[in-house]
Amino acid sequence: MYLSVLFPQKVPDGFLTRMIGRSTAAVLNVLPGTADRYYTRQAMDTLVLDGRIVASPATDIYRNGMGTLRVADACNGLELMVLYIGFILCFPAPTPRKWKFALGGIVLICLLNILRCTGLVLIFVHYHKYLDFSHHFLFTFVIYALIFLLWFIFTKKPRINDSMA
């Protein structure tokens, strides 16, 4: 369903990609001790899907007119959210608990992804030689660690308050 209906319409990819890019620029603009101005521009990225090249919208983050980071659909966290929610749905638990963890997890994954992109921009600007390691290993580990921690907390049996028994 995703590849045939949602992906061609860029739902929810387009929204997430723009939101992550714009939020990253907003966070960068409120960091103390910097006079830099960060802003976003819509761009086009290309990817290979089923052996053909497909254009895909992306969001570029600029610092004082210089490009720093491109947030593509593959970087917006959608796959991580689907993976996270898939586990939540498959694990036996009361429906309200599933909803609470699903929605809370999505919010946390988005916030951490914004912080990840913010960190990547700062590393690009100040410590460029660490960018590749940070992008492919460090921040990937941090995001997966959060997801595993949320899964761990979700699978723990909730304690019932003695006064409610």
Protein backbone atom coordinates (compact mmCIF):
# COMPACT_ATOMS: atom_id res chain seq x y z
CA MET A 1 0.00 0.00 0.00
CA TYR A 2 2.80 2.41 0.89
CA LEU A 3 4.75 1.96 -2.36
CA SER A 4 1.71 2.07 -4.63
CA VAL A 5 -0.44 4.72 -2.93
CA LEU A 6 1.33 6.77 -0.26
CA PHE A 7 4.86 6.99 -1.70
CA PRO A 8 3.85 8.51 -5.07
CA GLN A 9 1.74 11.11 -3.24
CA LYS A 10 4.57 11.78 -0.71
CA VAL A 11 2.22 11.08 2.20
CA PRO A 12 3.43 11.30 4.94
CA ASP A 13 7.05 11.56 3.67
CA GLY A 14 6.76 15.08 2.30
CA PHE A 15 5.29 16.47 5.50
CA LEU A 16 7.85 14.71 7.74
CA THR A 17 10.81 15.75 5.59
CA ARG A 18 9.74 19.42 5.58
CA MET A 19 8.90 19.34 9.31
CA ILE A 20 12.25 17.81 10.30
CA GLY A 21 14.17 20.29 8.10
CA ARG A 22 12.27 23.37 9.26
CA SER A 23 12.38 22.32 12.91
CA THR A 24 16.12 21.72 12.68
CA ALA A 25 16.66 25.22 11.26
CA ALA A 26 14.45 26.67 14.01
CA VAL A 27 16.46 24.90 16.74
CA LEU A 28 19.73 26.07 15.18
CA ASN A 29 18.45 29.66 15.10
CA VAL A 30 17.69 29.70 18.84
CA LEU A 31 20.98 28.17 19.99
CA PRO A 32 22.91 30.61 22.17
CA GLY A 33 26.23 32.08 21.09
CA THR A 34 25.71 32.08 17.35
CA ALA A 35 25.00 34.92 14.96
CA ASP A 36 24.45 32.50 12.07
CA ARG A 37 21.14 32.44 10.26
CA TYR A 38 19.75 29.05 9.27
CA TYR A 39 16.91 28.54 6.82
CA THR A 40 15.51 25.85 4.56
CA ARG A 41 14.80 25.50 0.87
CA GLN A 42 12.91 22.78 -0.89
CA ALA A 43 15.10 20.68 -3.19
CA MET A 44 14.86 17.55 -5.31
CA ASP A 45 16.70 14.37 -4.54
CA THR A 46 16.94 11.29 -6.72
CA LEU A 47 16.68 7.66 -5.73
CA VAL A 48 16.55 4.35 -7.54
CA LEU A 49 13.28 2.47 -7.08
CA ASP A 50 12.66 -0.81 -8.89
CA GLY A 51 15.57 -0.08 -11.23
CA ARG A 52 14.38 3.36 -12.29
CA ILE A 53 15.44 6.82 -11.14
CA VAL A 54 12.72 8.66 -9.24
CA ALA A 55 12.75 12.32 -8.18
CA SER A 56 11.94 12.89 -4.54
CA PRO A 57 11.48 16.19 -2.69
CA ALA A 58 14.03 17.02 0.00
CA THR A 59 14.71 19.91 2.36
CA ASP A 60 18.09 21.64 2.34
CA ILE A 61 19.30 23.49 5.43
CA TYR A 62 21.47 26.55 4.78
CA ARG A 63 23.76 28.49 7.09
CA ASN A 64 24.30 32.09 5.97
CA GLY A 65 23.72 31.07 2.35
CA MET A 66 25.90 27.93 2.45
CA GLY A 67 24.32 24.48 2.21
CA THR A 68 24.94 22.32 5.27
CA LEU A 69 22.55 19.36 5.28
CA ARG A 70 19.95 17.74 3.05
CA VAL A 71 17.03 16.05 4.75
CA ALA A 72 15.72 13.46 2.31
CA ASP A 73 12.73 11.18 2.73
CA ALA A 74 15.08 8.40 3.87
CA CYS A 75 16.18 10.66 6.78
CA ASN A 76 12.76 11.75 8.05
CA GLY A 77 12.35 8.84 10.50
CA LEU A 78 9.22 7.32 8.92
CA GLU A 79 10.77 3.85 8.61
CA LEU A 80 11.81 3.96 12.27
CA MET A 81 8.31 5.00 13.33
CA VAL A 82 6.75 2.15 11.34
CA LEU A 83 9.23 -0.34 12.82
CA TYR A 84 8.57 0.96 16.33
CA ILE A 85 4.77 0.91 15.97
CA GLY A 86 4.86 -2.52 14.31
CA PHE A 87 6.43 -3.99 17.43
CA ILE A 88 3.94 -2.19 19.68
CA LEU A 89 1.00 -3.55 17.67
CA CYS A 90 2.33 -7.11 17.63
CA PHE A 91 3.02 -7.28 21.36
CA PRO A 92 0.08 -8.28 23.57
CA ALA A 93 -0.99 -5.33 25.71
CA PRO A 94 -4.13 -3.32 26.46
CA THR A 95 -5.14 -1.01 23.62
CA PRO A 96 -4.85 2.22 25.67
CA ARG A 97 -1.27 1.29 26.58
CA LYS A 98 -0.50 0.63 22.89
CA TRP A 99 -1.92 4.04 21.90
CA LYS A 100 0.01 5.83 24.62
CA PHE A 101 3.31 4.23 23.68
CA ALA A 102 2.72 4.54 19.93
CA LEU A 103 1.95 8.26 20.04
CA GLY A 104 4.57 9.04 22.68
CA GLY A 105 7.19 7.06 20.75
CA ILE A 106 6.44 8.89 17.50
CA VAL A 107 6.84 12.25 19.24
CA LEU A 108 10.13 11.15 20.86
CA ILE A 109 11.49 9.74 17.59
CA CYS A 110 10.65 13.03 15.81
CA LEU A 111 12.24 15.14 18.54
CA LEU A 112 15.37 13.00 18.60
CA ASN A 113 15.58 13.14 14.79
CA ILE A 114 15.42 16.95 14.94
CA LEU A 115 18.21 16.94 17.52
CA ARG A 116 20.16 14.48 15.35
CA CYS A 117 19.90 16.75 12.31
CA THR A 118 20.83 19.75 14.46
CA GLY A 119 23.91 17.87 15.65
CA LEU A 120 24.82 16.89 12.10
CA VAL A 121 24.68 20.52 10.96
CA LEU A 122 26.85 21.63 13.87
CA ILE A 123 29.33 18.83 13.17
CA PHE A 124 29.36 19.79 9.48
CA VAL A 125 30.12 23.41 10.39
CA HIS A 126 32.63 22.90 13.22
CA TYR A 127 34.03 19.34 12.99
CA HIS A 128 33.54 18.35 9.35
CA LYS A 129 35.90 15.35 9.50
CA TYR A 130 33.54 13.63 12.00
CA LEU A 131 30.42 14.06 9.87
CA ASP A 132 30.48 10.68 8.13
CA PHE A 133 31.04 8.74 11.38
CA SER A 134 28.39 10.76 13.20
CA HIS A 135 25.81 10.33 10.46
CA HIS A 136 26.29 6.63 9.81
CA PHE A 137 27.20 5.31 13.25
CA LEU A 138 26.88 7.62 16.25
CA PHE A 139 23.43 9.07 15.66
CA THR A 140 22.11 5.81 14.23
CA PHE A 141 23.13 4.08 17.45
CA VAL A 142 21.48 6.80 19.58
CA ILE A 143 18.16 6.58 17.74
CA TYR A 144 18.06 2.78 17.81
CA ALA A 145 19.00 2.85 21.51
CA LEU A 146 15.98 5.09 22.18
CA ILE A 147 13.69 2.74 20.26
CA PHE A 148 14.98 -0.32 22.13
CA LEU A 149 14.59 1.53 25.45
CA LEU A 150 10.98 2.42 24.59
CA TRP A 151 10.30 -1.20 23.60
CA PHE A 152 11.87 -2.40 26.84
CA ILE A 153 9.72 -0.05 28.92
CA PHE A 154 6.63 -1.05 26.94
CA THR A 155 7.18 -4.76 27.52
CA LYS A 156 7.56 -4.35 31.28
CA LYS A 157 4.39 -5.28 33.07
CA PRO A 158 2.85 -2.11 34.54
CA ARG A 159 2.77 -2.10 38.32
CA ILE A 160 -0.64 -1.78 39.87
CA ASN A 161 -0.83 0.73 42.66
CA ASP A 162 -1.55 -1.09 45.93
CA SER A 163 -4.21 1.46 46.82
CA MET A 164 -6.10 0.62 43.63
CA ALA A 165 -6.17 -3.14 44.28
